[in-house]
PDB file of N, CA and C in Angstrom:
ATOM      1  N   MET A   1     -36.464  -2.336   6.247  1.00  0.00           N
ATOM      2  CA  MET A   1     -35.741  -2.184   7.497  1.00  0.00           C
ATOM      3  C   MET A   1     -36.131  -3.311   8.444  1.00  0.00           C
ATOM      4  N   LYS A   2     -35.164  -3.879   9.046  1.00  0.00           N
ATOM      5  CA  LYS A   2     -35.436  -4.915  10.027  1.00  0.00           C
ATOM      6  C   LYS A   2     -35.473  -4.287  11.403  1.00  0.00           C
ATOM      7  N   SER A   3     -36.445  -4.687  12.209  1.00  0.00           N
ATOM      8  CA  SER A   3     -36.534  -4.127  13.553  1.00  0.00           C
ATOM      9  C   SER A   3     -36.031  -5.107  14.607  1.00  0.00           C
ATOM     10  N   ALA A   4     -35.925  -6.358  14.241  1.00  0.00           N
ATOM     11  CA  ALA A   4     -35.437  -7.349  15.198  1.00  0.00           C
ATOM     12  C   ALA A   4     -34.088  -7.882  14.716  1.00  0.00           C
ATOM     13  N   LYS A   5     -33.275  -8.242  15.671  1.00  0.00           N
ATOM     14  CA  LYS A   5     -31.960  -8.787  15.336  1.00  0.00           C
ATOM     15  C   LYS A   5     -32.098 -10.282  15.100  1.00  0.00           C
ATOM     16  N   SER A   6     -31.539 -10.753  13.973  1.00  0.00           N
ATOM     17  CA  SER A   6     -31.581 -12.185  13.709  1.00  0.00           C
ATOM     18  C   SER A   6     -30.254 -12.841  14.053  1.00  0.00           C
ATOM     19  N   THR A   7     -29.179 -12.046  14.060  1.00  0.00           N
ATOM     20  CA  THR A   7     -27.880 -12.568  14.454  1.00  0.00           C
ATOM     21  C   THR A   7     -27.199 -11.527  15.345  1.00  0.00           C
ATOM     22  N   PRO A   8     -26.252 -11.946  16.173  1.00  0.00           N
ATOM     23  CA  PRO A   8     -25.562 -10.994  17.046  1.00  0.00           C
ATOM     24  C   PRO A   8     -24.827  -9.895  16.276  1.00  0.00           C
ATOM     25  N   GLN A   9     -24.386 -10.173  15.033  1.00  0.00           N
ATOM     26  CA  GLN A   9     -23.639  -9.200  14.249  1.00  0.00           C
ATOM     27  C   GLN A   9     -24.541  -8.144  13.608  1.00  0.00           C
ATOM     28  N   GLU A  10     -25.831  -8.419  13.504  1.00  0.00           N
ATOM     29  CA  GLU A  10     -26.748  -7.511  12.831  1.00  0.00           C
ATOM     30  C   GLU A  10     -27.134  -6.346  13.740  1.00  0.00           C
ATOM     31  N   ILE A  11     -26.937  -5.140  13.249  1.00  0.00           N
ATOM     32  CA  ILE A  11     -27.241  -3.946  14.033  1.00  0.00           C
ATOM     33  C   ILE A  11     -28.417  -3.237  13.368  1.00  0.00           C
ATOM     34  N   THR A  12     -29.430  -2.918  14.150  1.00  0.00           N
ATOM     35  CA  THR A  12     -30.580  -2.208  13.607  1.00  0.00           C
ATOM     36  C   THR A  12     -30.242  -0.728  13.441  1.00  0.00           C
ATOM     37  N   LEU A  13     -31.046  -0.051  12.664  1.00  0.00           N
ATOM     38  CA  LEU A  13     -30.876   1.380  12.467  1.00  0.00           C
ATOM     39  C   LEU A  13     -31.043   2.107  13.797  1.00  0.00           C
ATOM     40  N   GLU A  14     -31.985   1.659  14.596  1.00  0.00           N
ATOM     41  CA  GLU A  14     -32.205   2.260  15.914  1.00  0.00           C
ATOM     42  C   GLU A  14     -30.967   2.082  16.804  1.00  0.00           C
ATOM     43  N   ASP A  15     -30.361   0.906  16.775  1.00  0.00           N
ATOM     44  CA  ASP A  15     -29.129   0.665  17.540  1.00  0.00           C
ATOM     45  C   ASP A  15     -28.009   1.584  17.059  1.00  0.00           C
ATOM     46  N   GLU A  16     -27.915   1.731  15.745  1.00  0.00           N
ATOM     47  CA  GLU A  16     -26.870   2.577  15.166  1.00  0.00           C
ATOM     48  C   GLU A  16     -27.039   4.032  15.618  1.00  0.00           C
ATOM     49  N   ILE A  17     -28.280   4.501  15.663  1.00  0.00           N
ATOM     50  CA  ILE A  17     -28.566   5.860  16.121  1.00  0.00           C
ATOM     51  C   ILE A  17     -28.141   6.034  17.571  1.00  0.00           C
ATOM     52  N   HIS A  18     -28.481   5.076  18.407  1.00  0.00           N
ATOM     53  CA  HIS A  18     -28.104   5.167  19.825  1.00  0.00           C
ATOM     54  C   HIS A  18     -26.584   5.130  20.001  1.00  0.00           C
ATOM     55  N   MET A  19     -25.913   4.301  19.222  1.00  0.00           N
ATOM     56  CA  MET A  19     -24.445   4.228  19.314  1.00  0.00           C
ATOM     57  C   MET A  19     -23.800   5.534  18.866  1.00  0.00           C
ATOM     58  N   LEU A  20     -24.303   6.097  17.769  1.00  0.00           N
ATOM     59  CA  LEU A  20     -23.760   7.374  17.285  1.00  0.00           C
ATOM     60  C   LEU A  20     -23.990   8.487  18.300  1.00  0.00           C
ATOM     61  N   ARG A  21     -25.156   8.487  18.921  1.00  0.00           N
ATOM     62  CA  ARG A  21     -25.462   9.520  19.922  1.00  0.00           C
ATOM     63  C   ARG A  21     -24.501   9.420  21.107  1.00  0.00           C
ATOM     64  N   ARG A  22     -24.280   8.191  21.581  1.00  0.00           N
ATOM     65  CA  ARG A  22     -23.337   7.995  22.698  1.00  0.00           C
ATOM     66  C   ARG A  22     -21.920   8.395  22.302  1.00  0.00           C
ATOM     67  N   LYS A  23     -21.523   8.040  21.082  1.00  0.00           N
ATOM     68  CA  LYS A  23     -20.182   8.384  20.614  1.00  0.00           C
ATOM     69  C   LYS A  23     -20.019   9.898  20.514  1.00  0.00           C
ATOM     70  N   MET A  24     -21.040  10.569  19.993  1.00  0.00           N
ATOM     71  CA  MET A  24     -20.979  12.020  19.878  1.00  0.00           C
ATOM     72  C   MET A  24     -20.871  12.665  21.260  1.00  0.00           C
ATOM     73  N   GLU A  25     -21.639  12.173  22.208  1.00  0.00           N
ATOM     74  CA  GLU A  25     -21.579  12.708  23.577  1.00  0.00           C
ATOM     75  C   GLU A  25     -20.198  12.489  24.185  1.00  0.00           C
ATOM     76  N   GLN A  26     -19.646  11.301  23.987  1.00  0.00           N
ATOM     77  CA  GLN A  26     -18.324  10.979  24.529  1.00  0.00           C
ATOM     78  C   GLN A  26     -17.252  11.888  23.927  1.00  0.00           C
ATOM     79  N   ILE A  27     -17.288  12.062  22.620  1.00  0.00           N
ATOM     80  CA  ILE A  27     -16.285  12.901  21.969  1.00  0.00           C
ATOM     81  C   ILE A  27     -16.454  14.357  22.371  1.00  0.00           C
ATOM     82  N   PHE A  28     -17.702  14.799  22.531  1.00  0.00           N
ATOM     83  CA  PHE A  28     -17.913  16.165  23.000  1.00  0.00           C
ATOM     84  C   PHE A  28     -17.257  16.362  24.368  1.00  0.00           C
ATOM     85  N   LEU A  29     -17.414  15.399  25.264  1.00  0.00           N
ATOM     86  CA  LEU A  29     -16.805  15.514  26.594  1.00  0.00           C
ATOM     87  C   LEU A  29     -15.280  15.576  26.504  1.00  0.00           C
ATOM     88  N   GLU A  30     -14.725  14.823  25.571  1.00  0.00           N
ATOM     89  CA  GLU A  30     -13.271  14.839  25.386  1.00  0.00           C
ATOM     90  C   GLU A  30     -12.802  16.149  24.759  1.00  0.00           C
ATOM     91  N   GLU A  31     -13.517  16.619  23.763  1.00  0.00           N
ATOM     92  CA  GLU A  31     -13.117  17.810  23.011  1.00  0.00           C
ATOM     93  C   GLU A  31     -13.570  19.110  23.689  1.00  0.00           C
ATOM     94  N   GLN A  32     -14.621  19.020  24.482  1.00  0.00           N
ATOM     95  CA  GLN A  32     -15.212  20.195  25.141  1.00  0.00           C
ATOM     96  C   GLN A  32     -15.600  21.270  24.119  1.00  0.00           C
ATOM     97  N   SER A  33     -16.125  20.811  22.984  1.00  0.00           N
ATOM     98  CA  SER A  33     -16.494  21.749  21.927  1.00  0.00           C
ATOM     99  C   SER A  33     -17.566  21.144  21.028  1.00  0.00           C
ATOM    100  N   PHE A  34     -18.635  21.921  20.826  1.00  0.00           N
ATOM    101  CA  PHE A  34     -19.662  21.506  19.871  1.00  0.00           C
ATOM    102  C   PHE A  34     -19.206  21.746  18.437  1.00  0.00           C
ATOM    103  N   THR A  35     -18.190  22.572  18.260  1.00  0.00           N
ATOM    104  CA  THR A  35     -17.732  22.918  16.923  1.00  0.00           C
ATOM    105  C   THR A  35     -16.504  22.130  16.484  1.00  0.00           C
ATOM    106  N   SER A  36     -16.106  21.156  17.284  1.00  0.00           N
ATOM    107  CA  SER A  36     -15.009  20.278  16.899  1.00  0.00           C
ATOM    108  C   SER A  36     -15.393  19.557  15.604  1.00  0.00           C
ATOM    109  N   GLU A  37     -14.425  19.405  14.707  1.00  0.00           N
ATOM    110  CA  GLU A  37     -14.692  18.779  13.409  1.00  0.00           C
ATOM    111  C   GLU A  37     -15.312  17.387  13.558  1.00  0.00           C
ATOM    112  N   ILE A  38     -14.794  16.570  14.457  1.00  0.00           N
ATOM    113  CA  ILE A  38     -15.304  15.212  14.631  1.00  0.00           C
ATOM    114  C   ILE A  38     -16.710  15.216  15.239  1.00  0.00           C
ATOM    115  N   VAL A  39     -16.985  16.139  16.149  1.00  0.00           N
ATOM    116  CA  VAL A  39     -18.329  16.231  16.732  1.00  0.00           C
ATOM    117  C   VAL A  39     -19.337  16.621  15.651  1.00  0.00           C
ATOM    118  N   ILE A  40     -18.974  17.564  14.823  1.00  0.00           N
ATOM    119  CA  ILE A  40     -19.861  17.991  13.725  1.00  0.00           C
ATOM    120  C   ILE A  40     -20.072  16.857  12.729  1.00  0.00           C
ATOM    121  N   GLU A  41     -19.014  16.135  12.428  1.00  0.00           N
ATOM    122  CA  GLU A  41     -19.111  15.011  11.494  1.00  0.00           C
ATOM    123  C   GLU A  41     -20.071  13.935  12.020  1.00  0.00           C
ATOM    124  N   ILE A  42     -19.935  13.573  13.278  1.00  0.00           N
ATOM    125  CA  ILE A  42     -20.806  12.556  13.869  1.00  0.00           C
ATOM    126  C   ILE A  42     -22.235  13.082  13.963  1.00  0.00           C
ATOM    127  N   SER A  43     -22.386  14.346  14.312  1.00  0.00           N
ATOM    128  CA  SER A  43     -23.704  14.958  14.395  1.00  0.00           C
ATOM    129  C   SER A  43     -24.416  14.924  13.043  1.00  0.00           C
ATOM    130  N   SER A  44     -23.691  15.206  11.990  1.00  0.00           N
ATOM    131  CA  SER A  44     -24.267  15.178  10.641  1.00  0.00           C
ATOM    132  C   SER A  44     -24.689  13.764  10.253  1.00  0.00           C
ATOM    133  N   LEU A  45     -23.857  12.794  10.566  1.00  0.00           N
ATOM    134  CA  LEU A  45     -24.196  11.401  10.289  1.00  0.00           C
ATOM    135  C   LEU A  45     -25.413  10.982  11.107  1.00  0.00           C
ATOM    136  N   LEU A  46     -25.445  11.408  12.348  1.00  0.00           N
ATOM    137  CA  LEU A  46     -26.583  11.112  13.214  1.00  0.00           C
ATOM    138  C   LEU A  46     -27.869  11.701  12.629  1.00  0.00           C
ATOM    139  N   ASP A  47     -27.809  12.926  12.142  1.00  0.00           N
ATOM    140  CA  ASP A  47     -28.974  13.552  11.496  1.00  0.00           C
ATOM    141  C   ASP A  47     -29.467  12.719  10.318  1.00  0.00           C
ATOM    142  N   LEU A  48     -28.541  12.255   9.497  1.00  0.00           N
ATOM    143  CA  LEU A  48     -28.925  11.426   8.348  1.00  0.00           C
ATOM    144  C   LEU A  48     -29.611  10.135   8.786  1.00  0.00           C
ATOM    145  N   LYS A  49     -29.046   9.507   9.808  1.00  0.00           N
ATOM    146  CA  LYS A  49     -29.620   8.247  10.297  1.00  0.00           C
ATOM    147  C   LYS A  49     -30.999   8.460  10.924  1.00  0.00           C
ATOM    148  N   ILE A  50     -31.168   9.562  11.653  1.00  0.00           N
ATOM    149  CA  ILE A  50     -32.470   9.859  12.254  1.00  0.00           C
ATOM    150  C   ILE A  50     -33.499  10.128  11.155  1.00  0.00           C
ATOM    151  N   ASN A  51     -33.110  10.868  10.125  1.00  0.00           N
ATOM    152  CA  ASN A  51     -34.026  11.114   9.004  1.00  0.00           C
ATOM    153  C   ASN A  51     -34.411   9.812   8.311  1.00  0.00           C
ATOM    154  N   GLU A  52     -33.430   8.940   8.118  1.00  0.00           N
ATOM    155  CA  GLU A  52     -33.688   7.626   7.512  1.00  0.00           C
ATOM    156  C   GLU A  52     -34.678   6.835   8.374  1.00  0.00           C
ATOM    157  N   TYR A  53     -34.463   6.850   9.676  1.00  0.00           N
ATOM    158  CA  TYR A  53     -35.339   6.141  10.606  1.00  0.00           C
ATOM    159  C   TYR A  53     -36.764   6.703  10.555  1.00  0.00           C
ATOM    160  N   MET A  54     -36.865   8.043  10.557  1.00  0.00           N
ATOM    161  CA  MET A  54     -38.183   8.679  10.564  1.00  0.00           C
ATOM    162  C   MET A  54     -38.953   8.391   9.270  1.00  0.00           C
ATOM    163  N   LYS A  55     -38.253   8.302   8.153  1.00  0.00           N
ATOM    164  CA  LYS A  55     -38.907   7.957   6.882  1.00  0.00           C
ATOM    165  C   LYS A  55     -39.395   6.511   6.887  1.00  0.00           C
ATOM    166  N   ALA A  56     -38.622   5.638   7.493  1.00  0.00           N
ATOM    167  CA  ALA A  56     -38.976   4.212   7.532  1.00  0.00           C
ATOM    168  C   ALA A  56     -40.038   3.924   8.591  1.00  0.00           C
ATOM    169  N   ASN A  57     -40.113   4.767   9.631  1.00  0.00           N
ATOM    170  CA  ASN A  57     -41.026   4.545  10.758  1.00  0.00           C
ATOM    171  C   ASN A  57     -41.746   5.849  11.113  1.00  0.00           C
ATOM    172  N   PRO A  58     -42.642   6.322  10.237  1.00  0.00           N
ATOM    173  CA  PRO A  58     -43.224   7.656  10.449  1.00  0.00           C
ATOM    174  C   PRO A  58     -44.028   7.829  11.735  1.00  0.00           C
ATOM    175  N   LYS A  59     -44.573   6.760  12.285  1.00  0.00           N
ATOM    176  CA  LYS A  59     -45.388   6.894  13.501  1.00  0.00           C
ATOM    177  C   LYS A  59     -44.639   6.526  14.769  1.00  0.00           C
ATOM    178  N   LYS A  60     -43.417   6.052  14.617  1.00  0.00           N
ATOM    179  CA  LYS A  60     -42.625   5.586  15.745  1.00  0.00           C
ATOM    180  C   LYS A  60     -41.659   6.684  16.199  1.00  0.00           C
ATOM    181  N   LYS A  61     -41.400   6.759  17.493  1.00  0.00           N
ATOM    182  CA  LYS A  61     -40.441   7.734  18.020  1.00  0.00           C
ATOM    183  C   LYS A  61     -39.247   7.007  18.596  1.00  0.00           C
ATOM    184  N   LEU A  62     -38.104   7.671  18.550  1.00  0.00           N
ATOM    185  CA  LEU A  62     -36.883   7.101  19.134  1.00  0.00           C
ATOM    186  C   LEU A  62     -36.924   7.210  20.627  1.00  0.00           C
TER     187      LEU A  62
END
């Protein structure tokens, strides 16, 4: 896992987690539902990414 960006196009796992979290929050505000299919889908993806991050960085917190 890379923690620093070497090019503007390269997105770190931490950046991806933050983007997914913001997207999930935005869609929740639009849908006004935690059980909306798209909110659940993004939440599940976010869970996977957080687990991936925690395995790669066991002592680091988001």
